């Protein structure tokens, strides 16, 4: 029997956004903030395309709408 090494799946910023789309700000605003370094709990992927979530709670808090409105992170 051949053992297969498993590589843990990386949760991406877009993956997290898709899971919580109804409670998050528009994706364009989130990506702009991520590129500016304003989203906590993420880091750029090694490929240079996209972001990996390293702290799901912190990232989600930075992406959420507040009071049903789209609010930019502080």
N, C-alpha and C. Protein backbone atom coordinates (compact mmCIF):
# COMPACT_ATOMS: atom_id res chain seq x y z
N UNK A 1 0.84 -1.17 0.00
CA UNK A 1 0.00 0.00 0.00
C UNK A 1 0.90 1.24 0.00
N UNK A 2 0.54 2.18 -0.82
CA UNK A 2 1.30 3.42 -0.95
C UNK A 2 0.67 4.48 -0.06
N UNK A 3 1.50 5.11 0.76
CA UNK A 3 0.99 6.20 1.59
C UNK A 3 1.04 7.50 0.80
N UNK A 4 -0.01 8.24 0.91
CA UNK A 4 -0.09 9.52 0.22
C UNK A 4 -0.02 10.62 1.27
N UNK A 5 0.93 11.51 1.06
CA UNK A 5 1.04 12.64 1.98
C UNK A 5 -0.09 13.62 1.69
N UNK A 6 -0.72 14.07 2.73
CA UNK A 6 -1.79 15.04 2.54
C UNK A 6 -1.27 16.43 2.89
N UNK A 7 -1.65 17.36 2.09
CA UNK A 7 -1.29 18.75 2.31
C UNK A 7 -2.54 19.46 2.80
N UNK A 8 -2.46 20.10 3.95
CA UNK A 8 -3.66 20.78 4.44
C UNK A 8 -4.12 21.86 3.47
N UNK A 9 -5.41 21.89 3.24
CA UNK A 9 -5.97 22.90 2.34
C UNK A 9 -5.84 24.27 2.98
N UNK A 10 -5.47 25.24 2.19
CA UNK A 10 -5.34 26.61 2.66
C UNK A 10 -6.66 27.33 2.45
N UNK A 11 -7.18 27.91 3.50
CA UNK A 11 -8.38 28.73 3.37
C UNK A 11 -7.95 30.07 2.80
N UNK A 12 -8.56 30.45 1.69
CA UNK A 12 -8.23 31.72 1.06
C UNK A 12 -9.22 32.79 1.49
N UNK A 13 -8.84 34.03 1.25
CA UNK A 13 -9.72 35.14 1.56
C UNK A 13 -11.05 35.01 0.81
N UNK A 14 -10.99 34.61 -0.45
CA UNK A 14 -12.22 34.46 -1.23
C UNK A 14 -13.06 33.30 -0.72
N UNK A 15 -12.41 32.24 -0.27
CA UNK A 15 -13.14 31.11 0.31
C UNK A 15 -13.90 31.52 1.56
N UNK A 16 -13.24 32.30 2.40
CA UNK A 16 -13.88 32.79 3.62
C UNK A 16 -15.02 33.74 3.26
N UNK A 17 -14.79 34.60 2.28
CA UNK A 17 -15.84 35.53 1.85
C UNK A 17 -17.06 34.76 1.31
N UNK A 18 -16.82 33.73 0.53
CA UNK A 18 -17.94 32.94 -0.01
C UNK A 18 -18.75 32.28 1.09
N UNK A 19 -18.08 31.79 2.13
CA UNK A 19 -18.79 31.17 3.25
C UNK A 19 -19.69 32.16 3.98
N UNK A 20 -19.27 33.42 4.03
CA UNK A 20 -19.97 34.42 4.84
C UNK A 20 -20.43 35.62 4.00
N UNK A 21 -20.69 35.38 2.73
CA UNK A 21 -21.00 36.45 1.77
C UNK A 21 -22.13 37.37 2.23
N UNK A 22 -23.17 36.81 2.81
CA UNK A 22 -24.33 37.63 3.19
C UNK A 22 -24.03 38.60 4.32
N UNK A 23 -23.01 38.33 5.10
CA UNK A 23 -22.69 39.21 6.23
C UNK A 23 -21.44 40.06 5.99
N UNK A 24 -20.88 39.98 4.78
CA UNK A 24 -19.64 40.70 4.48
C UNK A 24 -19.86 41.89 3.54
N UNK A 25 -18.90 42.78 3.58
CA UNK A 25 -18.88 43.92 2.67
C UNK A 25 -18.65 43.41 1.24
N UNK A 26 -18.81 44.26 0.23
CA UNK A 26 -18.58 43.84 -1.16
C UNK A 26 -17.13 43.36 -1.35
N UNK A 27 -16.98 42.35 -2.19
CA UNK A 27 -15.67 41.72 -2.37
C UNK A 27 -14.63 42.71 -2.89
N UNK A 28 -15.00 43.64 -3.73
CA UNK A 28 -14.05 44.61 -4.26
C UNK A 28 -13.42 45.45 -3.16
N UNK A 29 -14.24 45.86 -2.18
CA UNK A 29 -13.73 46.64 -1.05
C UNK A 29 -12.81 45.80 -0.19
N UNK A 30 -13.16 44.53 -0.01
CA UNK A 30 -12.35 43.63 0.80
C UNK A 30 -10.99 43.39 0.14
N UNK A 31 -10.98 43.14 -1.15
CA UNK A 31 -9.72 42.90 -1.86
C UNK A 31 -8.85 44.16 -1.82
N UNK A 32 -9.44 45.32 -2.02
CA UNK A 32 -8.68 46.56 -1.96
C UNK A 32 -8.05 46.74 -0.58
N UNK A 33 -8.82 46.45 0.47
CA UNK A 33 -8.29 46.55 1.83
C UNK A 33 -7.19 45.51 2.07
N UNK A 34 -7.36 44.31 1.54
CA UNK A 34 -6.34 43.27 1.71
C UNK A 34 -5.03 43.69 1.05
N UNK A 35 -5.12 44.23 -0.14
CA UNK A 35 -3.91 44.69 -0.85
C UNK A 35 -3.24 45.83 -0.11
N UNK A 36 -4.02 46.64 0.60
CA UNK A 36 -3.47 47.77 1.35
C UNK A 36 -2.98 47.35 2.74
N UNK A 37 -3.19 46.08 3.09
CA UNK A 37 -2.75 45.60 4.40
C UNK A 37 -3.71 45.92 5.53
N UNK A 38 -4.95 46.24 5.19
CA UNK A 38 -5.93 46.65 6.21
C UNK A 38 -6.82 45.52 6.70
N UNK A 39 -6.61 44.30 6.24
CA UNK A 39 -7.40 43.15 6.72
C UNK A 39 -6.51 42.33 7.65
N UNK A 40 -6.93 42.21 8.90
CA UNK A 40 -6.17 41.42 9.87
C UNK A 40 -6.37 39.93 9.59
N UNK A 41 -5.39 39.13 9.95
CA UNK A 41 -5.54 37.68 9.88
C UNK A 41 -5.30 37.05 8.53
N UNK A 42 -4.69 37.78 7.60
CA UNK A 42 -4.38 37.21 6.29
C UNK A 42 -2.92 37.48 5.94
N UNK A 43 -2.42 36.72 4.97
CA UNK A 43 -1.08 36.97 4.42
C UNK A 43 -1.12 36.62 2.94
N UNK A 44 -0.27 37.25 2.14
CA UNK A 44 -0.26 36.94 0.71
C UNK A 44 0.14 35.48 0.49
N UNK A 45 -0.48 34.86 -0.51
CA UNK A 45 -0.08 33.50 -0.89
C UNK A 45 1.31 33.53 -1.51
N UNK A 46 2.09 32.45 -1.37
CA UNK A 46 3.43 32.42 -1.95
C UNK A 46 3.47 32.70 -3.45
N UNK A 47 2.39 32.36 -4.15
CA UNK A 47 2.33 32.58 -5.59
C UNK A 47 2.24 34.07 -5.93
N UNK A 48 1.83 34.89 -4.95
CA UNK A 48 1.64 36.31 -5.19
C UNK A 48 0.24 36.65 -5.66
N UNK A 49 -0.59 35.63 -5.84
CA UNK A 49 -1.97 35.83 -6.29
C UNK A 49 -2.91 35.38 -5.19
N UNK A 50 -3.58 36.31 -4.54
CA UNK A 50 -4.53 35.96 -3.51
C UNK A 50 -3.93 36.02 -2.12
N UNK A 51 -4.79 35.68 -1.14
CA UNK A 51 -4.40 35.78 0.26
C UNK A 51 -4.83 34.53 1.01
N UNK A 52 -3.98 34.08 1.92
CA UNK A 52 -4.29 32.95 2.79
C UNK A 52 -4.80 33.50 4.12
N UNK A 53 -5.80 32.83 4.67
CA UNK A 53 -6.34 33.22 5.97
C UNK A 53 -5.54 32.49 7.04
N UNK A 54 -4.92 33.26 7.94
CA UNK A 54 -4.17 32.64 9.03
C UNK A 54 -4.89 32.80 10.37
N UNK A 55 -5.84 33.71 10.44
CA UNK A 55 -6.68 33.89 11.63
C UNK A 55 -8.09 34.20 11.14
N UNK A 56 -8.91 33.16 11.10
CA UNK A 56 -10.24 33.28 10.51
C UNK A 56 -11.11 34.31 11.23
N UNK A 57 -11.09 34.32 12.55
CA UNK A 57 -11.93 35.25 13.31
C UNK A 57 -11.53 36.70 13.04
N UNK A 58 -10.23 36.96 13.02
CA UNK A 58 -9.76 38.34 12.78
C UNK A 58 -10.10 38.79 11.36
N UNK A 59 -9.90 37.90 10.39
CA UNK A 59 -10.20 38.25 9.00
C UNK A 59 -11.68 38.52 8.82
N UNK A 60 -12.50 37.66 9.38
CA UNK A 60 -13.95 37.82 9.24
C UNK A 60 -14.43 39.11 9.90
N UNK A 61 -13.87 39.44 11.05
CA UNK A 61 -14.24 40.69 11.72
C UNK A 61 -13.92 41.90 10.84
N UNK A 62 -12.83 41.83 10.10
CA UNK A 62 -12.44 42.94 9.21
C UNK A 62 -13.30 43.01 7.96
N UNK A 63 -13.97 41.93 7.62
CA UNK A 63 -14.75 41.85 6.39
C UNK A 63 -16.24 42.10 6.59
N UNK A 64 -16.71 42.04 7.82
CA UNK A 64 -18.15 42.10 8.09
C UNK A 64 -18.77 43.47 7.88
N UNK A 65 -20.06 43.44 7.53
CA UNK A 65 -20.89 44.64 7.54
C UNK A 65 -21.22 44.91 9.00
N UNK A 66 -21.40 46.15 9.34
CA UNK A 66 -21.77 46.50 10.71
C UNK A 66 -23.15 47.13 10.68
N UNK A 67 -24.07 46.57 11.44
CA UNK A 67 -25.43 47.11 11.48
C UNK A 67 -26.15 47.01 10.15
N UNK A 68 -25.78 46.00 9.34
CA UNK A 68 -26.42 45.83 8.04
C UNK A 68 -25.93 46.76 6.97
N UNK A 69 -24.94 47.60 7.32
CA UNK A 69 -24.40 48.56 6.36
C UNK A 69 -22.98 48.15 5.99
N UNK A 70 -22.54 48.59 4.85
CA UNK A 70 -21.16 48.35 4.44
C UNK A 70 -20.30 49.39 5.15
N UNK A 71 -19.43 48.93 6.02
CA UNK A 71 -18.59 49.84 6.80
C UNK A 71 -17.14 49.44 6.58
N UNK A 72 -16.33 50.41 6.27
CA UNK A 72 -14.90 50.16 6.09
C UNK A 72 -14.26 49.87 7.44
N UNK A 73 -13.22 49.02 7.47
CA UNK A 73 -12.56 48.73 8.75
C UNK A 73 -11.88 49.98 9.30
N UNK A 74 -11.76 50.01 10.59
CA UNK A 74 -11.16 51.18 11.27
C UNK A 74 -9.66 51.02 11.31
